[in-house]
Amino acid sequence: MMWCGERECEDKLKEETGATIRCIPFEQENLGDKCHICGKPAKHMIYAARAY
């Protein structure tokens, strides 16, 4: 997913889904221009997942 880089969005992701950011790949894919969490301009493509 795309992420703006803001701590508030990371906290909201964890609160709403239980997932945390697991990886910010060196080779970035452009999956969109906006953060999937807040709608601000995105800076990073991330992988997020829940820990079990």
N, C-alpha and C. Protein backbone atom coordinates (compact mmCIF):
# COMPACT_ATOMS: atom_id res chain seq x y z
N MET A 1 0.84 -1.17 0.00
CA MET A 1 0.00 0.00 0.00
C MET A 1 0.89 1.24 0.00
N MET A 2 0.32 2.35 -0.35
CA MET A 2 1.04 3.61 -0.35
C MET A 2 0.84 4.29 1.01
N TRP A 3 1.89 5.00 1.48
CA TRP A 3 1.88 5.61 2.79
C TRP A 3 2.55 6.97 2.72
N CYS A 4 2.01 7.93 3.46
CA CYS A 4 2.52 9.30 3.45
C CYS A 4 3.78 9.46 4.30
N GLY A 5 4.04 8.55 5.21
CA GLY A 5 5.21 8.63 6.08
C GLY A 5 4.91 9.22 7.45
N GLU A 6 3.67 9.59 7.70
CA GLU A 6 3.30 10.21 8.97
C GLU A 6 3.06 9.15 10.06
N ARG A 7 3.55 9.43 11.25
CA ARG A 7 3.38 8.53 12.39
C ARG A 7 1.90 8.33 12.73
N GLU A 8 1.09 9.39 12.56
CA GLU A 8 -0.33 9.32 12.87
C GLU A 8 -1.02 8.26 12.00
N CYS A 9 -0.63 8.17 10.75
CA CYS A 9 -1.21 7.17 9.85
C CYS A 9 -0.78 5.76 10.24
N GLU A 10 0.47 5.62 10.65
CA GLU A 10 0.96 4.31 11.11
C GLU A 10 0.17 3.86 12.34
N ASP A 11 -0.07 4.79 13.26
CA ASP A 11 -0.85 4.47 14.46
C ASP A 11 -2.29 4.13 14.12
N LYS A 12 -2.89 4.85 13.18
CA LYS A 12 -4.27 4.59 12.77
C LYS A 12 -4.38 3.22 12.11
N LEU A 13 -3.41 2.85 11.28
CA LEU A 13 -3.39 1.54 10.64
C LEU A 13 -3.39 0.44 11.70
N LYS A 14 -2.53 0.59 12.71
CA LYS A 14 -2.44 -0.42 13.77
C LYS A 14 -3.73 -0.48 14.58
N GLU A 15 -4.30 0.67 14.89
CA GLU A 15 -5.52 0.73 15.69
C GLU A 15 -6.72 0.10 14.98
N GLU A 16 -6.86 0.39 13.68
CA GLU A 16 -8.04 -0.07 12.95
C GLU A 16 -7.92 -1.51 12.44
N THR A 17 -6.70 -1.96 12.14
CA THR A 17 -6.56 -3.28 11.52
C THR A 17 -5.72 -4.27 12.33
N GLY A 18 -4.93 -3.76 13.27
CA GLY A 18 -4.02 -4.63 13.99
C GLY A 18 -2.73 -4.88 13.23
N ALA A 19 -2.59 -4.30 12.05
CA ALA A 19 -1.40 -4.49 11.22
C ALA A 19 -0.37 -3.39 11.52
N THR A 20 0.89 -3.73 11.28
CA THR A 20 1.97 -2.75 11.40
C THR A 20 2.80 -2.81 10.12
N ILE A 21 3.59 -1.77 9.91
CA ILE A 21 4.46 -1.73 8.74
C ILE A 21 5.58 -2.74 8.94
N ARG A 22 5.74 -3.62 7.98
CA ARG A 22 6.76 -4.67 8.06
C ARG A 22 7.97 -4.37 7.20
N CYS A 23 7.77 -3.64 6.10
CA CYS A 23 8.87 -3.45 5.17
C CYS A 23 8.60 -2.22 4.30
N ILE A 24 9.65 -1.44 4.06
CA ILE A 24 9.63 -0.38 3.05
C ILE A 24 10.68 -0.80 2.04
N PRO A 25 10.27 -1.40 0.92
CA PRO A 25 11.23 -1.95 -0.05
C PRO A 25 12.16 -0.88 -0.64
N PHE A 26 13.38 -1.28 -0.94
CA PHE A 26 14.32 -0.40 -1.60
C PHE A 26 13.82 -0.05 -3.00
N GLU A 27 13.29 -1.05 -3.71
CA GLU A 27 12.73 -0.82 -5.05
C GLU A 27 11.24 -0.54 -4.89
N GLN A 28 10.88 0.72 -5.02
CA GLN A 28 9.51 1.17 -4.79
C GLN A 28 8.66 1.01 -6.05
N GLU A 29 7.48 0.43 -5.88
CA GLU A 29 6.47 0.38 -6.94
C GLU A 29 5.52 1.55 -6.70
N ASN A 30 5.01 2.13 -7.76
CA ASN A 30 4.04 3.20 -7.61
C ASN A 30 2.64 2.60 -7.70
N LEU A 31 1.99 2.44 -6.56
CA LEU A 31 0.66 1.86 -6.50
C LEU A 31 -0.42 2.94 -6.44
N GLY A 32 -0.01 4.18 -6.49
CA GLY A 32 -0.93 5.31 -6.44
C GLY A 32 -0.20 6.54 -5.93
N ASP A 33 -0.88 7.67 -5.96
CA ASP A 33 -0.28 8.92 -5.55
C ASP A 33 -0.67 9.34 -4.14
N LYS A 34 -1.68 8.68 -3.56
CA LYS A 34 -2.19 9.10 -2.26
C LYS A 34 -2.00 8.00 -1.22
N CYS A 35 -1.83 8.44 0.02
CA CYS A 35 -1.74 7.53 1.16
C CYS A 35 -3.07 6.79 1.29
N HIS A 36 -3.02 5.48 1.44
CA HIS A 36 -4.24 4.67 1.57
C HIS A 36 -4.95 4.91 2.89
N ILE A 37 -4.28 5.52 3.85
CA ILE A 37 -4.86 5.70 5.17
C ILE A 37 -5.51 7.08 5.32
N CYS A 38 -4.81 8.14 4.88
CA CYS A 38 -5.32 9.50 5.11
C CYS A 38 -5.65 10.27 3.83
N GLY A 39 -5.12 9.84 2.69
CA GLY A 39 -5.38 10.54 1.44
C GLY A 39 -4.38 11.62 1.09
N LYS A 40 -3.39 11.88 1.96
CA LYS A 40 -2.33 12.85 1.66
C LYS A 40 -1.42 12.28 0.57
N PRO A 41 -0.58 13.11 -0.05
CA PRO A 41 0.37 12.59 -1.04
C PRO A 41 1.27 11.51 -0.44
N ALA A 42 1.42 10.41 -1.15
CA ALA A 42 2.20 9.27 -0.66
C ALA A 42 3.69 9.46 -0.92
N LYS A 43 4.52 8.99 0.01
CA LYS A 43 5.97 9.05 -0.13
C LYS A 43 6.61 7.68 -0.29
N HIS A 44 5.94 6.63 0.23
CA HIS A 44 6.53 5.29 0.25
C HIS A 44 5.50 4.22 -0.10
N MET A 45 5.96 3.16 -0.72
CA MET A 45 5.16 1.95 -0.86
C MET A 45 5.62 1.04 0.28
N ILE A 46 4.65 0.49 1.02
CA ILE A 46 4.98 -0.34 2.19
C ILE A 46 4.27 -1.67 2.12
N TYR A 47 4.78 -2.62 2.90
CA TYR A 47 4.08 -3.87 3.18
C TYR A 47 3.65 -3.81 4.64
N ALA A 48 2.40 -4.07 4.89
CA ALA A 48 1.87 -4.09 6.25
C ALA A 48 1.23 -5.46 6.50
N ALA A 49 1.36 -5.93 7.75
CA ALA A 49 0.79 -7.23 8.09
C ALA A 49 0.57 -7.29 9.60
N ARG A 50 -0.25 -8.24 10.00
CA ARG A 50 -0.48 -8.51 11.42
C ARG A 50 0.49 -9.57 11.90
N ALA A 51 0.94 -9.43 13.12
CA ALA A 51 1.82 -10.44 13.73
C ALA A 51 0.94 -11.45 14.45
N TYR A 52 1.32 -12.71 14.37
CA TYR A 52 0.57 -13.77 15.05
C TYR A 52 1.42 -14.44 16.08
